[in-house]
Amino acid sequence: MKQKTMDSPEILQVLFHPRAEPRNQPPAGATDIDIPVAPGVTIGCRLFGNDKEAPVILFFHGNGEIVADYDQIGPFYQQLGLNFLVTDYRGYGWSSGSPKSSALLEDAHTLYGALTSWLSENGYSDALFLMGRSLGSACAIELAAKHNDEIKGLIIESGFAETLPLARTLGIDLERLAITEEDTFNNLAKMDSITKPTFILHGQQDQLIPVLQAEKLMAASGARAKELQIVPGADHNSLIAVGGMLYFQAIKQFVNKSTGADDWRKRRRTFREGKRQEG
């Protein structure tokens, strides 16, 4: 991505909607992790921890959200036996600095390196899943393409394949600014190199990022194990509200399949062992 073209004020004021808020008290079972990403710039993250042997989902949120917005959502992952780690962006929540297009993916790489080291040093499982929602899909896809051999899978919620159509919807004609798709996040071009299991969730009524964008991501994915689940009646911001617990259970099922926890042979062995004990 060209560093300067996507950092014009005209683009930044539409792409990012930072909301600075002081650090709040983490919910029970949650831990804050602050990661320096540049001189004088630190990004806040929050881990909703469960069993340290359980898989970890590293989550990048949408452009109008902050880490604290997930204080009511993180516990649902914990209840399903997953560790859920949410990251902010520059200027969001208690993170310092100002958001920039050129820094978004660079910061994601820094966060990935620092957070995976923190998880390892603190005894957490190396079964890592990357998840991105809306703008966060650019971070998750970027990292999945670069660390394909290290991760267990990729989850994309309300993600976009192409930046130019999204920009037009938001009122910016990037082509008029002489910006091509290759100058942007270019999510679509990266999907072919991601071969780990991929799960794409999208609202049927999403008018900001139409379902076609999810279908393009699905078609371009290099993963043999991939699934696109379209949620009827949901728009860009209502997948959890519409799906309820089914939303979390679908993610849990995907994680189980990807890690082998749902392997039918394992279930059969467990069943046979139970029968032997009964006999």
Protein backbone atom coordinates (compact mmCIF):
# COMPACT_ATOMS: atom_id res chain seq x y z
CA MET A 1 0.00 0.00 0.00
CA LYS A 2 1.34 3.42 -0.90
CA GLN A 3 1.98 5.20 2.37
CA LYS A 4 0.90 8.75 1.51
CA THR A 5 -2.08 8.37 -0.82
CA MET A 6 -4.33 6.65 1.73
CA ASP A 7 -3.32 9.08 4.47
CA SER A 8 -4.99 12.18 3.03
CA PRO A 9 -7.38 13.91 5.47
CA GLU A 10 -10.24 13.32 3.03
CA ILE A 11 -9.78 9.57 3.38
CA LEU A 12 -8.85 9.37 7.06
CA GLN A 13 -11.94 11.25 8.26
CA VAL A 14 -14.14 8.64 6.58
CA LEU A 15 -12.06 5.52 7.13
CA PHE A 16 -11.52 6.00 10.86
CA HIS A 17 -13.93 7.08 13.59
CA PRO A 18 -11.70 7.08 16.69
CA ARG A 19 -13.30 7.41 20.10
CA ALA A 20 -10.85 8.19 22.85
CA GLU A 21 -11.93 7.02 26.29
CA PRO A 22 -10.01 6.49 29.53
CA ARG A 23 -9.21 2.92 30.48
CA ASN A 24 -12.15 1.37 32.31
CA GLN A 25 -12.01 -1.41 34.88
CA PRO A 26 -11.57 -4.73 33.04
CA PRO A 27 -14.43 -7.20 33.62
CA ALA A 28 -13.80 -10.23 35.82
CA GLY A 29 -11.49 -12.65 34.05
CA ALA A 30 -10.15 -10.01 31.65
CA THR A 31 -6.58 -8.69 31.49
CA ASP A 32 -5.29 -5.53 29.81
CA ILE A 33 -2.14 -5.71 27.70
CA ASP A 34 -0.52 -2.51 26.41
CA ILE A 35 1.73 -2.83 23.36
CA PRO A 36 4.14 -0.10 22.17
CA VAL A 37 3.94 0.12 18.38
CA ALA A 38 6.01 3.27 17.74
CA PRO A 39 7.90 5.87 19.77
CA GLY A 40 5.33 7.44 22.10
CA VAL A 41 2.49 5.31 20.75
CA THR A 42 0.93 2.45 22.71
CA ILE A 43 -2.10 0.38 21.75
CA GLY A 44 -4.41 -1.11 24.36
CA CYS A 45 -5.61 -4.71 24.15
CA ARG A 46 -7.87 -6.77 26.40
CA LEU A 47 -7.74 -10.53 26.86
CA PHE A 48 -10.87 -12.34 28.00
CA GLY A 49 -9.08 -15.38 29.30
CA ASN A 50 -10.33 -18.90 29.76
CA ASP A 51 -8.37 -22.13 30.05
CA LYS A 52 -4.81 -21.41 28.93
CA GLU A 53 -4.83 -24.63 26.90
CA ALA A 54 -7.85 -23.41 24.90
CA PRO A 55 -7.54 -21.73 21.48
CA VAL A 56 -7.03 -17.96 21.29
CA ILE A 57 -8.92 -15.64 18.93
CA LEU A 58 -7.00 -12.44 18.15
CA PHE A 59 -9.70 -9.96 17.14
CA PHE A 60 -9.52 -6.66 15.21
CA HIS A 61 -12.74 -4.63 15.52
CA GLY A 62 -14.59 -2.21 13.25
CA ASN A 63 -13.71 1.42 12.61
CA GLY A 64 -16.24 2.91 15.03
CA GLU A 65 -15.64 0.57 17.96
CA ILE A 66 -13.20 0.35 20.88
CA VAL A 67 -11.95 -2.48 23.05
CA ALA A 68 -14.36 -1.62 25.89
CA ASP A 69 -17.32 -2.13 23.55
CA TYR A 70 -16.54 -5.85 23.77
CA ASP A 71 -16.80 -6.07 27.56
CA GLN A 72 -20.25 -7.64 27.19
CA ILE A 73 -19.24 -9.84 24.26
CA GLY A 74 -15.94 -11.28 25.49
CA PRO A 75 -17.61 -13.31 28.28
CA PHE A 76 -19.64 -15.27 25.71
CA TYR A 77 -16.38 -16.54 24.19
CA GLN A 78 -15.15 -17.42 27.67
CA GLN A 79 -18.33 -19.39 28.36
CA LEU A 80 -17.68 -21.43 25.23
CA GLY A 81 -14.15 -22.25 26.35
CA LEU A 82 -12.26 -19.79 24.13
CA ASN A 83 -9.73 -17.05 24.85
CA PHE A 84 -10.74 -13.79 23.15
CA LEU A 85 -8.13 -11.06 22.68
CA VAL A 86 -9.33 -7.68 21.37
CA THR A 87 -7.00 -4.98 20.05
CA ASP A 88 -7.59 -1.28 19.49
CA TYR A 89 -6.10 1.10 16.91
CA ARG A 90 -4.16 4.32 17.36
CA GLY A 91 -6.33 6.99 18.97
CA TYR A 92 -9.03 4.51 19.99
CA GLY A 93 -9.99 3.87 23.62
CA TRP A 94 -6.99 4.44 25.85
CA SER A 95 -4.53 3.96 22.96
CA SER A 96 -2.33 6.92 22.05
CA GLY A 97 -1.47 8.40 18.69
CA SER A 98 -3.68 9.17 15.70
CA PRO A 99 -5.05 6.61 13.24
CA LYS A 100 -3.45 6.40 9.82
CA SER A 101 -4.02 4.09 6.91
CA SER A 102 -0.29 3.62 6.50
CA ALA A 103 0.09 2.56 10.14
CA LEU A 104 -2.88 0.21 10.37
CA LEU A 105 -1.25 -2.89 8.88
CA GLU A 106 2.20 -2.07 10.26
CA ASP A 107 0.72 -1.85 13.76
CA ALA A 108 -1.11 -5.14 13.19
CA HIS A 109 2.21 -6.87 12.53
CA THR A 110 3.74 -5.32 15.65
CA LEU A 111 0.74 -6.36 17.72
CA TYR A 112 0.87 -9.88 16.34
CA GLY A 113 4.52 -10.32 17.26
CA ALA A 114 4.19 -8.81 20.72
CA LEU A 115 0.91 -10.52 21.63
CA THR A 116 1.96 -13.99 20.47
CA SER A 117 5.13 -13.59 22.55
CA TRP A 118 3.05 -12.48 25.56
CA LEU A 119 0.71 -15.43 25.17
CA SER A 120 3.59 -17.88 24.93
CA GLU A 121 5.42 -16.40 27.92
CA ASN A 122 2.22 -16.64 29.97
CA GLY A 123 1.55 -20.25 29.10
CA TYR A 124 -1.29 -19.89 26.61
CA SER A 125 -1.96 -22.30 23.77
CA ASP A 126 -0.38 -21.64 20.38
CA ALA A 127 -3.70 -22.55 18.70
CA LEU A 128 -4.26 -19.04 17.33
CA PHE A 129 -7.13 -17.81 15.18
CA LEU A 130 -7.21 -14.40 13.53
CA MET A 131 -10.54 -12.59 13.32
CA GLY A 132 -11.41 -9.25 11.81
CA ARG A 133 -14.68 -7.33 11.61
CA SER A 134 -15.31 -4.72 8.89
CA LEU A 135 -12.16 -2.52 8.80
CA GLY A 136 -10.51 -5.10 11.05
CA SER A 137 -10.79 -7.67 8.27
CA ALA A 138 -7.88 -5.88 6.55
CA CYS A 139 -5.66 -6.54 9.58
CA ALA A 140 -6.76 -10.16 9.97
CA ILE A 141 -6.32 -10.95 6.27
CA GLU A 142 -2.93 -9.23 6.14
CA LEU A 143 -1.66 -11.23 9.13
CA ALA A 144 -3.17 -14.50 7.92
CA ALA A 145 -1.39 -14.10 4.59
CA LYS A 146 1.94 -13.39 6.28
CA HIS A 147 1.63 -16.01 9.04
CA ASN A 148 -0.33 -18.71 7.26
CA ASP A 149 1.87 -21.51 8.60
CA GLU A 150 1.58 -20.33 12.20
CA ILE A 151 -2.16 -19.85 12.64
CA LYS A 152 -5.00 -22.37 12.92
CA GLY A 153 -7.58 -20.39 11.00
CA LEU A 154 -9.12 -17.11 9.84
CA ILE A 155 -12.54 -15.65 10.69
CA ILE A 156 -13.91 -12.69 8.74
CA GLU A 157 -17.04 -10.85 9.87
CA SER A 158 -18.65 -8.25 7.60
CA GLY A 159 -15.36 -8.00 5.71
CA PHE A 160 -14.57 -6.44 2.36
CA ALA A 161 -12.72 -7.81 -0.64
CA GLU A 162 -12.21 -4.53 -2.49
CA THR A 163 -11.55 -1.08 -1.03
CA LEU A 164 -12.61 1.05 -4.00
CA PRO A 165 -16.33 0.07 -3.94
CA LEU A 166 -16.41 0.54 -0.16
CA ALA A 167 -14.83 3.97 -0.50
CA ARG A 168 -17.45 4.98 -3.08
CA THR A 169 -20.20 3.90 -0.69
CA LEU A 170 -18.57 6.09 1.97
CA GLY A 171 -18.47 9.04 -0.42
CA ILE A 172 -14.87 8.95 -1.60
CA ASP A 173 -13.86 8.41 -5.22
CA LEU A 174 -10.40 6.90 -4.83
CA GLU A 175 -10.00 6.55 -8.58
CA ARG A 176 -10.36 10.33 -8.88
CA LEU A 177 -7.44 10.57 -6.45
CA ALA A 178 -5.48 8.23 -8.75
CA ILE A 179 -5.57 5.44 -6.16
CA THR A 180 -5.88 1.90 -7.49
CA GLU A 181 -6.93 -1.24 -5.61
CA GLU A 182 -3.26 -2.21 -5.36
CA ASP A 183 -2.62 1.03 -3.45
CA THR A 184 -5.21 0.11 -0.80
CA PHE A 185 -5.58 -2.80 1.63
CA ASN A 186 -6.07 -5.10 -1.36
CA ASN A 187 -7.72 -7.84 0.69
CA LEU A 188 -8.85 -9.86 -2.32
CA ALA A 189 -5.33 -10.37 -3.68
CA LYS A 190 -4.12 -11.79 -0.37
CA MET A 191 -6.80 -14.46 0.03
CA ASP A 192 -5.24 -16.96 -2.34
CA SER A 193 -2.17 -17.35 -0.12
CA ILE A 194 -4.29 -18.18 2.96
CA THR A 195 -4.72 -21.94 3.05
CA LYS A 196 -5.74 -22.43 6.67
CA PRO A 197 -9.44 -23.02 7.46
CA THR A 198 -11.46 -19.88 6.78
CA PHE A 199 -14.89 -18.89 8.08
CA ILE A 200 -16.70 -15.87 6.60
CA LEU A 201 -19.77 -14.38 8.32
CA HIS A 202 -21.86 -11.70 6.63
CA GLY A 203 -25.25 -10.07 7.07
CA GLN A 204 -27.72 -10.62 4.26
CA GLN A 205 -28.96 -7.03 4.56
CA ASP A 206 -25.52 -5.40 4.80
CA GLN A 207 -25.78 -2.21 2.74
CA LEU A 208 -22.36 -0.82 3.65
CA ILE A 209 -20.44 -3.90 2.51
CA PRO A 210 -22.76 -5.98 0.29
CA VAL A 211 -22.79 -9.77 0.44
CA LEU A 212 -21.05 -9.81 -2.95
CA GLN A 213 -17.87 -8.73 -1.16
CA ALA A 214 -18.04 -11.77 1.12
CA GLU A 215 -18.67 -14.01 -1.88
CA LYS A 216 -15.58 -12.61 -3.59
CA LEU A 217 -13.46 -13.31 -0.50
CA MET A 218 -14.83 -16.83 -0.41
CA ALA A 219 -14.12 -17.46 -4.10
CA ALA A 220 -10.56 -16.11 -3.82
CA SER A 221 -9.69 -18.05 -0.65
CA GLY A 222 -6.90 -20.58 -1.01
CA ALA A 223 -8.26 -22.68 1.86
CA ARG A 224 -9.63 -26.16 1.19
CA ALA A 225 -11.74 -25.94 4.35
CA LYS A 226 -13.75 -22.74 3.94
CA GLU A 227 -17.29 -21.68 4.69
CA LEU A 228 -19.44 -18.65 4.00
CA GLN A 229 -22.38 -18.19 6.35
CA ILE A 230 -24.85 -15.46 5.43
CA VAL A 231 -27.09 -14.38 8.32
CA PRO A 232 -30.67 -13.65 7.16
CA GLY A 233 -32.06 -10.34 8.35
CA ALA A 234 -28.72 -9.04 9.66
CA ASP A 235 -27.11 -5.84 8.44
CA HIS A 236 -23.56 -4.57 8.86
CA ASN A 237 -23.81 -4.03 12.61
CA SER A 238 -26.39 -6.55 13.76
CA LEU A 239 -24.93 -10.03 13.25
CA ILE A 240 -24.70 -10.71 16.99
CA ALA A 241 -28.08 -9.12 17.73
CA VAL A 242 -29.78 -11.22 15.05
CA GLY A 243 -27.79 -14.42 15.51
CA GLY A 244 -27.66 -14.41 19.30
CA MET A 245 -25.92 -17.45 20.78
CA LEU A 246 -25.97 -19.12 17.36
CA TYR A 247 -23.37 -16.56 16.28
CA PHE A 248 -20.94 -17.64 19.01
CA GLN A 249 -21.76 -21.32 18.61
CA ALA A 250 -21.00 -21.14 14.88
CA ILE A 251 -17.58 -19.67 15.65
CA LYS A 252 -16.98 -22.29 18.35
CA GLN A 253 -17.91 -25.06 15.92
CA PHE A 254 -15.50 -23.68 13.33
CA VAL A 255 -12.70 -23.51 15.90
CA ASN A 256 -13.43 -27.07 17.02
CA LYS A 257 -13.32 -28.39 13.47
CA SER A 258 -10.11 -26.51 12.70
CA THR A 259 -8.31 -27.77 15.80
CA GLY A 260 -9.62 -31.33 15.54
CA ALA A 261 -11.66 -31.06 18.71
CA ASP A 262 -14.72 -32.17 16.76
CA ASP A 263 -12.95 -35.03 15.03
CA TRP A 264 -15.40 -37.90 14.63
CA ARG A 265 -12.75 -40.47 15.52
CA LYS A 266 -12.20 -38.76 18.86
CA ARG A 267 -15.93 -38.78 19.53
CA ARG A 268 -16.15 -42.43 18.59
CA ARG A 269 -13.28 -43.37 20.91
CA THR A 270 -14.92 -41.45 23.75
CA PHE A 271 -18.20 -43.24 23.08
CA ARG A 272 -16.54 -46.67 23.05
CA GLU A 273 -14.62 -45.96 26.24
CA GLY A 274 -17.87 -44.97 27.93
CA LYS A 275 -19.54 -48.19 26.78
CA ARG A 276 -16.63 -50.28 28.10
CA GLN A 277 -16.85 -48.57 31.46
CA GLU A 278 -20.58 -49.25 31.61
CA GLY A 279 -19.96 -52.92 30.79
